[in-house]
Amino acid sequence: MGTKLERRQKIRYRIRKKVAGTAQKPRMSIFRSNAEIYVQLIDDENGVTLASASSRDKDIAAQKVTRVERSKLVGAAIARKAIELGFTNVTFDRGGNLYHGRVKSVADGAREGGLVF
């Protein structure tokens, strides 16, 4: 079976076989560490990160809320940046994590911010 990390890595590769971002519809990739959460909009055709947001951004880190609530703020922040760049549609990549808790919270925040996926 392997470690939890190896199992998550296998799941990530399985997802990445199916999910890819383009210049018109970037991939919204989520990385979750124990303390923080990071989101990137990626154009896989050119291998470029178009925008990013994380719970370490000054305006988000300054707010004293739970990690799940902070994740929702990160989702809203990435949605704001995406719309500024002219994207409304993205492909969602949960990065091998379950669609639950902080990952779901980012997705909800992004949807409320106007992103469609």
Protein backbone atom coordinates (compact mmCIF):
# COMPACT_ATOMS: atom_id res chain seq x y z
CA MET A 1 0.00 0.00 0.00
CA GLY A 2 2.78 2.46 0.80
CA THR A 3 2.66 5.61 2.85
CA LYS A 4 -0.17 8.11 2.85
CA LEU A 5 1.99 10.45 0.75
CA GLU A 6 2.69 7.78 -1.88
CA ARG A 7 -1.00 6.94 -2.07
CA ARG A 8 -1.91 10.61 -2.56
CA GLN A 9 0.77 10.90 -5.25
CA LYS A 10 -0.75 7.97 -7.17
CA ILE A 11 -4.17 9.60 -6.97
CA ARG A 12 -2.65 12.89 -8.19
CA TYR A 13 -1.14 11.20 -11.25
CA ARG A 14 -4.45 9.49 -12.01
CA ILE A 15 -6.26 12.84 -11.88
CA ARG A 16 -3.60 14.57 -13.99
CA LYS A 17 -4.03 12.00 -16.78
CA LYS A 18 -7.55 13.32 -17.25
CA VAL A 19 -7.25 16.97 -16.21
CA ALA A 20 -5.26 19.57 -18.13
CA GLY A 21 -5.46 23.35 -18.34
CA THR A 22 -5.39 25.44 -21.51
CA ALA A 23 -4.81 29.13 -22.16
CA GLN A 24 -8.62 29.60 -22.35
CA LYS A 25 -9.56 27.26 -19.49
CA PRO A 26 -6.69 26.99 -16.97
CA ARG A 27 -6.34 24.23 -14.39
CA MET A 28 -7.07 25.35 -10.83
CA SER A 29 -4.57 23.29 -8.85
CA ILE A 30 -4.79 23.01 -5.06
CA PHE A 31 -1.93 22.15 -2.74
CA ARG A 32 -2.81 21.59 0.91
CA SER A 33 -0.19 21.46 3.64
CA ASN A 34 -1.02 20.93 7.30
CA ALA A 35 -1.09 24.63 8.07
CA GLU A 36 -1.61 26.42 4.74
CA ILE A 37 -3.40 26.04 1.41
CA TYR A 38 -2.17 27.20 -2.00
CA VAL A 39 -4.07 27.57 -5.29
CA GLN A 40 -2.66 28.17 -8.77
CA LEU A 41 -4.21 28.75 -12.17
CA ILE A 42 -2.03 26.83 -14.63
CA ASP A 43 -1.87 26.77 -18.44
CA ASP A 44 -0.45 23.29 -19.05
CA GLU A 45 0.02 23.80 -22.82
CA ASN A 46 2.69 26.45 -22.20
CA GLY A 47 3.66 25.29 -18.70
CA VAL A 48 2.88 28.67 -17.15
CA THR A 49 1.29 29.68 -13.86
CA LEU A 50 -1.15 32.48 -14.67
CA ALA A 51 -2.20 33.43 -11.13
CA SER A 52 -1.84 32.18 -7.59
CA ALA A 53 -3.28 32.75 -4.14
CA SER A 54 -2.52 31.24 -0.76
CA SER A 55 -3.43 31.44 2.88
CA ARG A 56 -0.06 33.13 3.41
CA ASP A 57 -1.05 36.25 1.44
CA LYS A 58 -0.91 39.25 3.80
CA ASP A 59 -4.59 40.20 3.63
CA ILE A 60 -5.74 36.59 4.23
CA ALA A 61 -3.13 35.65 6.87
CA ALA A 62 -4.01 38.78 8.88
CA GLN A 63 -7.53 37.48 9.52
CA LYS A 64 -7.85 35.31 12.59
CA VAL A 65 -10.30 32.66 11.37
CA THR A 66 -10.28 28.87 11.14
CA ARG A 67 -8.35 27.08 8.40
CA VAL A 68 -11.56 26.14 6.58
CA GLU A 69 -12.79 29.77 6.60
CA ARG A 70 -9.34 30.94 5.48
CA SER A 71 -9.52 28.44 2.60
CA LYS A 72 -12.78 30.02 1.48
CA LEU A 73 -11.05 33.42 1.40
CA VAL A 74 -8.28 31.90 -0.75
CA GLY A 75 -10.94 30.60 -3.16
CA ALA A 76 -12.50 34.06 -3.38
CA ALA A 77 -9.05 35.63 -3.94
CA ILE A 78 -8.17 33.28 -6.82
CA ALA A 79 -11.60 33.93 -8.37
CA ARG A 80 -10.99 37.69 -8.20
CA LYS A 81 -7.56 37.31 -9.86
CA ALA A 82 -8.95 34.96 -12.53
CA ILE A 83 -11.75 37.34 -13.47
CA GLU A 84 -9.25 40.23 -13.66
CA LEU A 85 -7.30 38.12 -16.18
CA GLY A 86 -10.51 37.39 -18.09
CA PHE A 87 -11.15 33.77 -17.04
CA THR A 88 -14.53 32.57 -15.86
CA ASN A 89 -14.15 28.85 -16.65
CA VAL A 90 -11.48 26.70 -15.00
CA THR A 91 -10.75 23.01 -14.65
CA PHE A 92 -10.67 21.87 -11.02
CA ASP A 93 -7.71 19.79 -9.79
CA ARG A 94 -8.04 18.66 -6.17
CA GLY A 95 -4.42 17.50 -6.12
CA GLY A 96 -5.07 14.03 -4.72
CA ASN A 97 -6.93 15.36 -1.70
CA LEU A 98 -10.50 14.39 -0.94
CA TYR A 99 -13.13 16.92 -2.03
CA HIS A 100 -13.93 17.69 1.57
CA GLY A 101 -13.05 20.23 4.25
CA ARG A 102 -10.51 22.83 3.12
CA VAL A 103 -10.43 21.70 -0.53
CA LYS A 104 -14.23 21.95 -0.75
CA SER A 105 -14.07 25.32 0.99
CA VAL A 106 -11.67 26.69 -1.68
CA ALA A 107 -14.02 25.44 -4.40
CA ASP A 108 -17.05 27.05 -2.72
CA GLY A 109 -15.21 30.36 -2.33
CA ALA A 110 -14.13 30.30 -5.99
CA ARG A 111 -17.68 29.53 -7.17
CA GLU A 112 -19.08 32.37 -5.08
CA GLY A 113 -16.41 34.62 -6.61
CA GLY A 114 -17.79 33.86 -10.07
CA LEU A 115 -15.69 30.96 -11.38
CA VAL A 116 -17.37 28.09 -13.22
CA PHE A 117 -16.06 24.50 -13.06
